[in-house]
PDB file of all heavy atoms in Angstrom:
ATOM      1  N   LEU A   1      -1.105   6.138  14.718  1.00  0.00           N
ATOM      2  CA  LEU A   1      -0.808   5.736  16.180  1.00  0.00           C
ATOM      3  C   LEU A   1      -1.344   6.817  17.125  1.00  0.00           C
ATOM      4  O   LEU A   1      -1.187   8.030  16.811  1.00  0.00           O
ATOM      5  CB  LEU A   1       0.730   5.577  16.325  1.00  0.00           C
ATOM      6  CG  LEU A   1       1.390   4.517  15.438  1.00  0.00           C
ATOM      7  CD1 LEU A   1       2.847   4.674  15.508  1.00  0.00           C
ATOM      8  CD2 LEU A   1       0.918   3.110  15.772  1.00  0.00           C
ATOM      9  N   ARG A   2      -1.874   6.397  18.208  1.00  0.00           N
ATOM     10  CA  ARG A   2      -2.215   7.291  19.255  1.00  0.00           C
ATOM     11  C   ARG A   2      -1.576   6.869  20.539  1.00  0.00           C
ATOM     12  O   ARG A   2      -1.802   5.779  21.075  1.00  0.00           O
ATOM     13  CB  ARG A   2      -3.722   7.417  19.419  1.00  0.00           C
ATOM     14  CG  ARG A   2      -4.138   8.483  20.570  1.00  0.00           C
ATOM     15  CD  ARG A   2      -5.602   8.769  20.600  1.00  0.00           C
ATOM     16  NE  ARG A   2      -6.386   7.600  20.767  1.00  0.00           N
ATOM     17  CZ  ARG A   2      -7.805   7.623  20.689  1.00  0.00           C
ATOM     18  NH1 ARG A   2      -8.459   8.767  20.310  1.00  0.00           N
ATOM     19  NH2 ARG A   2      -8.472   6.513  20.760  1.00  0.00           N
ATOM     20  N   LYS A   3      -0.726   7.814  21.066  1.00  0.00           N
ATOM     21  CA  LYS A   3       0.026   7.369  22.338  1.00  0.00           C
ATOM     22  C   LYS A   3      -0.965   7.561  23.558  1.00  0.00           C
ATOM     23  O   LYS A   3      -1.820   8.449  23.611  1.00  0.00           O
ATOM     24  CB  LYS A   3       1.258   8.213  22.544  1.00  0.00           C
ATOM     25  CG  LYS A   3       2.413   7.929  21.586  1.00  0.00           C
ATOM     26  CD  LYS A   3       3.621   8.684  22.062  1.00  0.00           C
ATOM     27  CE  LYS A   3       4.841   8.399  21.117  1.00  0.00           C
ATOM     28  NZ  LYS A   3       6.015   9.159  21.554  1.00  0.00           N
ATOM     29  N   LYS A   4      -0.693   6.671  24.593  1.00  0.00           N
ATOM     30  CA  LYS A   4      -1.412   6.897  25.850  1.00  0.00           C
ATOM     31  C   LYS A   4      -0.668   7.750  26.760  1.00  0.00           C
ATOM     32  O   LYS A   4       0.166   7.329  27.477  1.00  0.00           O
ATOM     33  CB  LYS A   4      -1.598   5.440  26.441  1.00  0.00           C
ATOM     34  CG  LYS A   4      -2.484   4.518  25.540  1.00  0.00           C
ATOM     35  CD  LYS A   4      -2.549   3.146  26.203  1.00  0.00           C
ATOM     36  CE  LYS A   4      -3.374   2.200  25.334  1.00  0.00           C
ATOM     37  NZ  LYS A   4      -3.449   0.845  25.961  1.00  0.00           N
ATOM     38  N   THR A   5      -0.999   9.037  26.723  1.00  0.00           N
ATOM     39  CA  THR A   5      -0.263  10.017  27.490  1.00  0.00           C
ATOM     40  C   THR A   5      -1.261  10.853  28.264  1.00  0.00           C
ATOM     41  O   THR A   5      -2.392  11.090  27.761  1.00  0.00           O
ATOM     42  CB  THR A   5       0.587  11.003  26.699  1.00  0.00           C
ATOM     43  OG1 THR A   5      -0.313  11.649  25.730  1.00  0.00           O
ATOM     44  CG2 THR A   5       1.637  10.278  25.878  1.00  0.00           C
ATOM     45  N   ARG A   6      -0.920  11.153  29.558  1.00  0.00           N
ATOM     46  CA  ARG A   6      -1.861  11.960  30.426  1.00  0.00           C
ATOM     47  C   ARG A   6      -2.040  13.305  29.872  1.00  0.00           C
ATOM     48  O   ARG A   6      -3.077  13.858  30.033  1.00  0.00           O
ATOM     49  CB  ARG A   6      -1.286  11.966  31.823  1.00  0.00           C
ATOM     50  CG  ARG A   6      -1.275  10.581  32.476  1.00  0.00           C
ATOM     51  CD  ARG A   6      -0.781  10.668  33.904  1.00  0.00           C
ATOM     52  NE  ARG A   6      -0.801   9.382  34.633  1.00  0.00           N
ATOM     53  CZ  ARG A   6      -0.327   9.242  35.825  1.00  0.00           C
ATOM     54  NH1 ARG A   6       0.094  10.298  36.585  1.00  0.00           N
ATOM     55  NH2 ARG A   6      -0.387   8.112  36.477  1.00  0.00           N
ATOM     56  N   ALA A   7      -0.996  13.939  29.425  1.00  0.00           N
ATOM     57  CA  ALA A   7      -1.057  15.350  29.081  1.00  0.00           C
ATOM     58  C   ALA A   7      -1.599  15.602  27.586  1.00  0.00           C
ATOM     59  O   ALA A   7      -1.548  16.823  27.164  1.00  0.00           O
ATOM     60  CB  ALA A   7       0.355  15.960  29.202  1.00  0.00           C
ATOM     61  N   GLN A   8      -2.117  14.537  27.035  1.00  0.00           N
ATOM     62  CA  GLN A   8      -2.559  14.727  25.671  1.00  0.00           C
ATOM     63  C   GLN A   8      -3.756  15.685  25.492  1.00  0.00           C
ATOM     64  O   GLN A   8      -4.653  15.591  26.266  1.00  0.00           O
ATOM     65  CB  GLN A   8      -2.937  13.357  25.102  1.00  0.00           C
ATOM     66  CG  GLN A   8      -3.173  13.289  23.507  1.00  0.00           C
ATOM     67  CD  GLN A   8      -3.375  11.883  23.082  1.00  0.00           C
ATOM     68  OE1 GLN A   8      -4.533  11.426  22.951  1.00  0.00           O
ATOM     69  NE2 GLN A   8      -2.298  11.164  22.775  1.00  0.00           N
ATOM     70  N   ALA A   9      -3.662  16.530  24.527  1.00  0.00           N
ATOM     71  CA  ALA A   9      -4.856  17.467  24.274  1.00  0.00           C
ATOM     72  C   ALA A   9      -6.051  16.661  23.896  1.00  0.00           C
ATOM     73  O   ALA A   9      -5.964  15.563  23.349  1.00  0.00           O
ATOM     74  CB  ALA A   9      -4.415  18.497  23.204  1.00  0.00           C
ATOM     75  N   LYS A  10      -7.255  17.228  24.106  1.00  0.00           N
ATOM     76  CA  LYS A  10      -8.493  16.537  23.746  1.00  0.00           C
ATOM     77  C   LYS A  10      -8.678  16.769  22.220  1.00  0.00           C
ATOM     78  O   LYS A  10      -9.020  17.912  21.813  1.00  0.00           O
ATOM     79  CB  LYS A  10      -9.638  17.071  24.547  1.00  0.00           C
ATOM     80  CG  LYS A  10      -9.541  16.711  26.036  1.00  0.00           C
ATOM     81  CD  LYS A  10     -10.796  17.045  26.763  1.00  0.00           C
ATOM     82  CE  LYS A  10     -11.932  16.206  26.278  1.00  0.00           C
ATOM     83  NZ  LYS A  10     -13.193  16.485  27.103  1.00  0.00           N
ATOM     84  N   ILE A  11      -8.461  15.730  21.506  1.00  0.00           N
ATOM     85  CA  ILE A  11      -8.629  15.781  20.045  1.00  0.00           C
ATOM     86  C   ILE A  11      -9.612  14.550  19.599  1.00  0.00           C
ATOM     87  O   ILE A  11      -9.314  13.440  19.958  1.00  0.00           O
ATOM     88  CB  ILE A  11      -7.324  15.725  19.309  1.00  0.00           C
ATOM     89  CG1 ILE A  11      -6.519  16.986  19.630  1.00  0.00           C
ATOM     90  CG2 ILE A  11      -7.575  15.581  17.789  1.00  0.00           C
ATOM     91  CD1 ILE A  11      -5.198  16.903  18.990  1.00  0.00           C
ATOM     92  N   ASP A  12     -10.628  14.888  18.960  1.00  0.00           N
ATOM     93  CA  ASP A  12     -11.527  13.873  18.440  1.00  0.00           C
ATOM     94  C   ASP A  12     -11.029  13.295  17.179  1.00  0.00           C
ATOM     95  O   ASP A  12     -11.104  13.878  16.076  1.00  0.00           O
ATOM     96  CB  ASP A  12     -12.991  14.465  18.204  1.00  0.00           C
ATOM     97  CG  ASP A  12     -13.945  13.375  17.847  1.00  0.00           C
ATOM     98  OD1 ASP A  12     -13.707  12.179  18.066  1.00  0.00           O
ATOM     99  OD2 ASP A  12     -15.003  13.763  17.244  1.00  0.00           O
ATOM    100  N   CYS A  13     -10.505  12.026  17.250  1.00  0.00           N
ATOM    101  CA  CYS A  13      -9.912  11.373  16.037  1.00  0.00           C
ATOM    102  C   CYS A  13     -11.009  10.443  15.429  1.00  0.00           C
ATOM    103  O   CYS A  13     -11.509   9.576  16.115  1.00  0.00           O
ATOM    104  CB  CYS A  13      -8.691  10.554  16.352  1.00  0.00           C
ATOM    105  SG  CYS A  13      -7.262  11.547  16.760  1.00  0.00           S
ATOM    106  N   ALA A  14     -11.382  10.690  14.232  1.00  0.00           N
ATOM    107  CA  ALA A  14     -12.427   9.863  13.654  1.00  0.00           C
ATOM    108  C   ALA A  14     -11.816   8.485  13.313  1.00  0.00           C
ATOM    109  O   ALA A  14     -12.655   7.497  13.240  1.00  0.00           O
ATOM    110  CB  ALA A  14     -12.900  10.518  12.380  1.00  0.00           C
ATOM    111  N   TYR A  15     -10.564   8.432  12.968  1.00  0.00           N
ATOM    112  CA  TYR A  15     -10.006   7.166  12.610  1.00  0.00           C
ATOM    113  C   TYR A  15      -8.588   6.984  13.446  1.00  0.00           C
ATOM    114  O   TYR A  15      -7.742   7.864  13.276  1.00  0.00           O
ATOM    115  CB  TYR A  15      -9.642   7.143  11.090  1.00  0.00           C
ATOM    116  CG  TYR A  15     -10.891   7.589  10.264  1.00  0.00           C
ATOM    117  CD1 TYR A  15     -10.961   8.925   9.875  1.00  0.00           C
ATOM    118  CD2 TYR A  15     -11.881   6.754  10.000  1.00  0.00           C
ATOM    119  CE1 TYR A  15     -12.061   9.287   9.047  1.00  0.00           C
ATOM    120  CE2 TYR A  15     -12.968   7.138   9.205  1.00  0.00           C
ATOM    121  CZ  TYR A  15     -13.069   8.435   8.766  1.00  0.00           C
ATOM    122  OH  TYR A  15     -14.157   8.829   8.042  1.00  0.00           O
ATOM    123  N   VAL A  16      -8.541   5.909  14.088  1.00  0.00           N
ATOM    124  CA  VAL A  16      -7.245   5.561  14.842  1.00  0.00           C
ATOM    125  C   VAL A  16      -6.780   4.201  14.391  1.00  0.00           C
ATOM    126  O   VAL A  16      -7.553   3.194  14.508  1.00  0.00           O
ATOM    127  CB  VAL A  16      -7.495   5.583  16.365  1.00  0.00           C
ATOM    128  CG1 VAL A  16      -6.210   5.171  17.121  1.00  0.00           C
ATOM    129  CG2 VAL A  16      -7.900   6.964  16.778  1.00  0.00           C
ATOM    130  N   GLY A  17      -5.518   4.065  13.943  1.00  0.00           N
ATOM    131  CA  GLY A  17      -4.968   2.773  13.591  1.00  0.00           C
ATOM    132  C   GLY A  17      -4.673   1.898  14.723  1.00  0.00           C
ATOM    133  O   GLY A  17      -5.310   0.835  14.955  1.00  0.00           O
ATOM    134  N   PHE A  18      -3.752   2.343  15.605  1.00  0.00           N
ATOM    135  CA  PHE A  18      -3.306   1.637  16.742  1.00  0.00           C
ATOM    136  C   PHE A  18      -3.095   2.509  17.932  1.00  0.00           C
ATOM    137  O   PHE A  18      -2.634   3.599  17.768  1.00  0.00           O
ATOM    138  CB  PHE A  18      -2.003   0.852  16.364  1.00  0.00           C
ATOM    139  CG  PHE A  18      -2.106  -0.008  15.235  1.00  0.00           C
ATOM    140  CD1 PHE A  18      -1.759   0.451  13.942  1.00  0.00           C
ATOM    141  CD2 PHE A  18      -2.547  -1.298  15.250  1.00  0.00           C
ATOM    142  CE1 PHE A  18      -1.687  -0.359  12.868  1.00  0.00           C
ATOM    143  CE2 PHE A  18      -2.611  -2.199  14.198  1.00  0.00           C
ATOM    144  CZ  PHE A  18      -2.208  -1.653  12.918  1.00  0.00           C
ATOM    145  N   GLU A  19      -3.375   1.969  19.047  1.00  0.00           N
ATOM    146  CA  GLU A  19      -2.935   2.589  20.359  1.00  0.00           C
ATOM    147  C   GLU A  19      -1.514   2.122  20.688  1.00  0.00           C
ATOM    148  O   GLU A  19      -1.177   0.962  20.297  1.00  0.00           O
ATOM    149  CB  GLU A  19      -3.839   2.193  21.565  1.00  0.00           C
ATOM    150  CG  GLU A  19      -5.289   2.532  21.341  1.00  0.00           C
ATOM    151  CD  GLU A  19      -5.628   4.018  21.533  1.00  0.00           C
ATOM    152  OE1 GLU A  19      -4.706   4.731  21.963  1.00  0.00           O
ATOM    153  OE2 GLU A  19      -6.713   4.329  21.213  1.00  0.00           O
ATOM    154  N   CYS A  20      -0.676   2.989  21.149  1.00  0.00           N
ATOM    155  CA  CYS A  20       0.735   2.646  21.439  1.00  0.00           C
ATOM    156  C   CYS A  20       1.155   3.237  22.760  1.00  0.00           C
ATOM    157  O   CYS A  20       0.592   4.171  23.259  1.00  0.00           O
ATOM    158  CB  CYS A  20       1.587   3.098  20.267  1.00  0.00           C
ATOM    159  SG  CYS A  20       1.999   4.767  20.196  1.00  0.00           S
ATOM    160  N   PRO A  21       2.173   2.652  23.378  1.00  0.00           N
ATOM    161  CA  PRO A  21       2.643   3.086  24.693  1.00  0.00           C
ATOM    162  C   PRO A  21       3.329   4.457  24.557  1.00  0.00           C
ATOM    163  O   PRO A  21       3.802   4.879  23.443  1.00  0.00           O
ATOM    164  CB  PRO A  21       3.682   2.031  25.127  1.00  0.00           C
ATOM    165  CG  PRO A  21       4.117   1.438  23.811  1.00  0.00           C
ATOM    166  CD  PRO A  21       2.937   1.415  22.909  1.00  0.00           C
ATOM    167  N   ASP A  22       3.479   5.067  25.703  1.00  0.00           N
ATOM    168  CA  ASP A  22       4.100   6.484  25.626  1.00  0.00           C
ATOM    169  C   ASP A  22       5.660   6.278  25.715  1.00  0.00           C
ATOM    170  O   ASP A  22       6.384   6.584  26.669  1.00  0.00           O
ATOM    171  CB  ASP A  22       3.719   7.213  26.971  1.00  0.00           C
ATOM    172  CG  ASP A  22       4.148   8.678  26.928  1.00  0.00           C
ATOM    173  OD1 ASP A  22       4.603   9.116  25.843  1.00  0.00           O
ATOM    174  OD2 ASP A  22       4.118   9.394  28.001  1.00  0.00           O
ATOM    175  N   GLU A  23       6.141   5.884  24.545  1.00  0.00           N
ATOM    176  CA  GLU A  23       7.577   5.737  24.351  1.00  0.00           C
ATOM    177  C   GLU A  23       7.915   6.456  23.015  1.00  0.00           C
ATOM    178  O   GLU A  23       7.064   6.851  22.247  1.00  0.00           O
ATOM    179  CB  GLU A  23       7.908   4.221  24.086  1.00  0.00           C
ATOM    180  CG  GLU A  23       7.509   3.301  25.266  1.00  0.00           C
ATOM    181  CD  GLU A  23       8.469   3.393  26.489  1.00  0.00           C
ATOM    182  OE1 GLU A  23       9.502   4.077  26.384  1.00  0.00           O
ATOM    183  OE2 GLU A  23       8.181   2.776  27.436  1.00  0.00           O
ATOM    184  N   PHE A  24       9.312   6.747  22.882  1.00  0.00           N
ATOM    185  CA  PHE A  24       9.701   7.438  21.660  1.00  0.00           C
ATOM    186  C   PHE A  24       9.862   6.377  20.543  1.00  0.00           C
ATOM    187  O   PHE A  24      10.725   5.461  20.665  1.00  0.00           O
ATOM    188  CB  PHE A  24      10.980   8.177  21.810  1.00  0.00           C
ATOM    189  CG  PHE A  24      11.173   9.188  20.763  1.00  0.00           C
ATOM    190  CD1 PHE A  24      10.661  10.449  20.813  1.00  0.00           C
ATOM    191  CD2 PHE A  24      11.958   8.837  19.568  1.00  0.00           C
ATOM    192  CE1 PHE A  24      10.845  11.355  19.770  1.00  0.00           C
ATOM    193  CE2 PHE A  24      12.069   9.776  18.587  1.00  0.00           C
ATOM    194  CZ  PHE A  24      11.566  11.018  18.668  1.00  0.00           C
ATOM    195  N   ILE A  25       9.030   6.488  19.550  1.00  0.00           N
ATOM    196  CA  ILE A  25       9.017   5.426  18.468  1.00  0.00           C
ATOM    197  C   ILE A  25       9.554   5.958  17.183  1.00  0.00           C
ATOM    198  O   ILE A  25       9.462   7.115  16.857  1.00  0.00           O
ATOM    199  CB  ILE A  25       7.518   4.883  18.247  1.00  0.00           C
ATOM    200  CG1 ILE A  25       6.630   6.057  18.104  1.00  0.00           C
ATOM    201  CG2 ILE A  25       7.139   4.067  19.488  1.00  0.00           C
ATOM    202  CD1 ILE A  25       5.118   5.689  17.857  1.00  0.00           C
ATOM    203  N   VAL A  26      10.165   5.039  16.397  1.00  0.00           N
ATOM    204  CA  VAL A  26      10.789   5.418  15.184  1.00  0.00           C
ATOM    205  C   VAL A  26      10.527   4.290  14.079  1.00  0.00           C
ATOM    206  O   VAL A  26      10.030   3.250  14.452  1.00  0.00           O
ATOM    207  CB  VAL A  26      12.350   5.504  15.278  1.00  0.00           C
ATOM    208  CG1 VAL A  26      12.685   6.640  16.204  1.00  0.00           C
ATOM    209  CG2 VAL A  26      12.904   4.211  15.881  1.00  0.00           C
ATOM    210  N   GLY A  27      10.722   4.616  12.844  1.00  0.00           N
ATOM    211  CA  GLY A  27      10.458   3.713  11.780  1.00  0.00           C
ATOM    212  C   GLY A  27       9.196   4.063  10.954  1.00  0.00           C
ATOM    213  O   GLY A  27       8.342   4.813  11.525  1.00  0.00           O
ATOM    214  N   TYR A  28       9.061   3.488   9.830  1.00  0.00           N
ATOM    215  CA  TYR A  28       7.919   3.797   8.962  1.00  0.00           C
ATOM    216  C   TYR A  28       7.661   5.225   8.779  1.00  0.00           C
ATOM    217  O   TYR A  28       6.508   5.674   8.903  1.00  0.00           O
ATOM    218  CB  TYR A  28       6.665   3.109   9.501  1.00  0.00           C
ATOM    219  CG  TYR A  28       5.437   3.006   8.584  1.00  0.00           C
ATOM    220  CD1 TYR A  28       5.479   2.295   7.372  1.00  0.00           C
ATOM    221  CD2 TYR A  28       4.307   3.622   8.985  1.00  0.00           C
ATOM    222  CE1 TYR A  28       4.404   2.284   6.591  1.00  0.00           C
ATOM    223  CE2 TYR A  28       3.147   3.619   8.168  1.00  0.00           C
ATOM    224  CZ  TYR A  28       3.177   2.922   6.890  1.00  0.00           C
ATOM    225  OH  TYR A  28       2.136   2.886   6.063  1.00  0.00           O
ATOM    226  N   GLY A  29       8.704   6.031   8.626  1.00  0.00           N
ATOM    227  CA  GLY A  29       8.623   7.433   8.452  1.00  0.00           C
ATOM    228  C   GLY A  29       8.895   8.267   9.716  1.00  0.00           C
ATOM    229  O   GLY A  29       9.156   9.452   9.642  1.00  0.00           O
ATOM    230  N   LEU A  30       8.825   7.676  10.826  1.00  0.00           N
ATOM    231  CA  LEU A  30       9.027   8.380  12.197  1.00  0.00           C
ATOM    232  C   LEU A  30      10.504   8.467  12.411  1.00  0.00           C
ATOM    233  O   LEU A  30      11.222   7.486  12.211  1.00  0.00           O
ATOM    234  CB  LEU A  30       8.347   7.726  13.269  1.00  0.00           C
ATOM    235  CG  LEU A  30       6.757   7.534  13.117  1.00  0.00           C
ATOM    236  CD1 LEU A  30       6.177   6.619  14.080  1.00  0.00           C
ATOM    237  CD2 LEU A  30       6.132   8.914  13.325  1.00  0.00           C
ATOM    238  N   ASP A  31      10.975   9.608  12.948  1.00  0.00           N
ATOM    239  CA  ASP A  31      12.410   9.810  13.064  1.00  0.00           C
ATOM    240  C   ASP A  31      12.761  10.233  14.413  1.00  0.00           C
ATOM    241  O   ASP A  31      11.989  10.681  15.239  1.00  0.00           O
ATOM    242  CB  ASP A  31      12.916  10.809  12.057  1.00  0.00           C
ATOM    243  CG  ASP A  31      12.570  12.226  12.490  1.00  0.00           C
ATOM    244  OD1 ASP A  31      11.385  12.587  12.649  1.00  0.00           O
ATOM    245  OD2 ASP A  31      13.594  13.009  12.818  1.00  0.00           O
ATOM    246  N   TYR A  32      14.137  10.134  14.700  1.00  0.00           N
ATOM    247  CA  TYR A  32      14.782  10.824  15.847  1.00  0.00           C
ATOM    248  C   TYR A  32      15.924  11.593  15.172  1.00  0.00           C
ATOM    249  O   TYR A  32      16.848  11.012  14.677  1.00  0.00           O
ATOM    250  CB  TYR A  32      15.338   9.788  16.889  1.00  0.00           C
ATOM    251  CG  TYR A  32      16.294  10.503  17.791  1.00  0.00           C
ATOM    252  CD1 TYR A  32      15.831  11.563  18.611  1.00  0.00           C
ATOM    253  CD2 TYR A  32      17.647  10.110  17.900  1.00  0.00           C
ATOM    254  CE1 TYR A  32      16.724  12.149  19.527  1.00  0.00           C
ATOM    255  CE2 TYR A  32      18.507  10.757  18.828  1.00  0.00           C
ATOM    256  CZ  TYR A  32      18.062  11.784  19.523  1.00  0.00           C
ATOM    257  OH  TYR A  32      18.871  12.357  20.459  1.00  0.00           O
ATOM    258  N   ALA A  33      15.858  12.980  15.165  1.00  0.00           N
ATOM    259  CA  ALA A  33      16.887  13.738  14.618  1.00  0.00           C
ATOM    260  C   ALA A  33      17.154  13.367  13.212  1.00  0.00           C
ATOM    261  O   ALA A  33      18.357  13.262  12.786  1.00  0.00           O
ATOM    262  CB  ALA A  33      18.107  13.854  15.471  1.00  0.00           C
ATOM    263  N   GLU A  34      16.129  13.089  12.407  1.00  0.00           N
ATOM    264  CA  GLU A  34      16.215  12.713  10.932  1.00  0.00           C
ATOM    265  C   GLU A  34      16.809  11.313  10.740  1.00  0.00           C
ATOM    266  O   GLU A  34      17.252  10.973   9.669  1.00  0.00           O
ATOM    267  CB  GLU A  34      16.976  13.789  10.141  1.00  0.00           C
ATOM    268  CG  GLU A  34      16.393  15.130  10.235  1.00  0.00           C
ATOM    269  CD  GLU A  34      14.967  15.155   9.738  1.00  0.00           C
ATOM    270  OE1 GLU A  34      14.651  14.317   8.832  1.00  0.00           O
ATOM    271  OE2 GLU A  34      14.238  15.955  10.123  1.00  0.00           O
ATOM    272  N   ARG A  35      16.854  10.503  11.781  1.00  0.00           N
ATOM    273  CA  ARG A  35      17.415   9.108  11.592  1.00  0.00           C
ATOM    274  C   ARG A  35      16.224   8.117  11.785  1.00  0.00           C
ATOM    275  O   ARG A  35      15.258   8.379  12.411  1.00  0.00           O
ATOM    276  CB  ARG A  35      18.524   8.769  12.634  1.00  0.00           C
ATOM    277  CG  ARG A  35      19.689   9.722  12.419  1.00  0.00           C
ATOM    278  CD  ARG A  35      20.752   9.527  13.571  1.00  0.00           C
ATOM    279  NE  ARG A  35      21.270   8.176  13.622  1.00  0.00           N
ATOM    280  CZ  ARG A  35      21.945   7.614  14.646  1.00  0.00           C
ATOM    281  NH1 ARG A  35      22.182   8.325  15.666  1.00  0.00           N
ATOM    282  NH2 ARG A  35      22.383   6.351  14.572  1.00  0.00           N
ATOM    283  N   TYR A  36      16.485   6.945  11.215  1.00  0.00           N
ATOM    284  CA  TYR A  36      15.486   5.745  11.393  1.00  0.00           C
ATOM    285  C   TYR A  36      14.183   5.836  10.626  1.00  0.00           C
ATOM    286  O   TYR A  36      13.432   4.905  10.699  1.00  0.00           O
ATOM    287  CB  TYR A  36      15.198   5.590  12.871  1.00  0.00           C
ATOM    288  CG  TYR A  36      16.369   5.463  13.760  1.00  0.00           C
ATOM    289  CD1 TYR A  36      16.571   6.470  14.766  1.00  0.00           C
ATOM    290  CD2 TYR A  36      17.332   4.563  13.681  1.00  0.00           C
ATOM    291  CE1 TYR A  36      17.653   6.452  15.632  1.00  0.00           C
ATOM    292  CE2 TYR A  36      18.459   4.477  14.485  1.00  0.00           C
ATOM    293  CZ  TYR A  36      18.594   5.509  15.484  1.00  0.00           C
ATOM    294  OH  TYR A  36      19.661   5.488  16.290  1.00  0.00           O
ATOM    295  N   ARG A  37      13.999   6.903   9.778  1.00  0.00           N
ATOM    296  CA  ARG A  37      12.785   6.964   9.056  1.00  0.00           C
ATOM    297  C   ARG A  37      12.564   5.737   8.132  1.00  0.00           C
ATOM    298  O   ARG A  37      11.437   5.363   7.818  1.00  0.00           O
ATOM    299  CB  ARG A  37      12.783   8.211   8.178  1.00  0.00           C
ATOM    300  CG  ARG A  37      12.678   9.525   8.898  1.00  0.00           C
ATOM    301  CD  ARG A  37      12.391  10.630   7.863  1.00  0.00           C
ATOM    302  NE  ARG A  37      12.558  11.992   8.432  1.00  0.00           N
ATOM    303  CZ  ARG A  37      11.592  12.512   9.278  1.00  0.00           C
ATOM    304  NH1 ARG A  37      10.497  11.924   9.469  1.00  0.00           N
ATOM    305  NH2 ARG A  37      11.873  13.700   9.713  1.00  0.00           N
ATOM    306  N   ASN A  38      13.683   5.221   7.635  1.00  0.00           N
ATOM    307  CA  ASN A  38      13.587   4.126   6.563  1.00  0.00           C
ATOM    308  C   ASN A  38      13.394   2.734   7.116  1.00  0.00           C
ATOM    309  O   ASN A  38      13.367   1.756   6.342  1.00  0.00           O
ATOM    310  CB  ASN A  38      14.758   4.218   5.627  1.00  0.00           C
ATOM    311  CG  ASN A  38      16.083   4.025   6.442  1.00  0.00           C
ATOM    312  OD1 ASN A  38      16.179   4.496   7.547  1.00  0.00           O
ATOM    313  ND2 ASN A  38      17.043   3.381   5.729  1.00  0.00           N
ATOM    314  N   LEU A  39      13.266   2.605   8.411  1.00  0.00           N
ATOM    315  CA  LEU A  39      13.081   1.280   8.946  1.00  0.00           C
ATOM    316  C   LEU A  39      11.698   0.735   8.450  1.00  0.00           C
ATOM    317  O   LEU A  39      10.705   1.481   8.478  1.00  0.00           O
ATOM    318  CB  LEU A  39      13.048   1.310  10.444  1.00  0.00           C
ATOM    319  CG  LEU A  39      14.343   1.664  11.132  1.00  0.00           C
ATOM    320  CD1 LEU A  39      14.177   1.716  12.672  1.00  0.00           C
ATOM    321  CD2 LEU A  39      15.482   0.611  10.807  1.00  0.00           C
TER     322      LEU A  39
END
């Protein structure tokens, strides 16, 4: 996932799965304070 954020550093990604909004996302391994990874 690549978030659409203004302050994002310039990084050349050879492979991008999906663009996503600038929100805090969880699930599929992503967590908030070690919660929600297993969604």
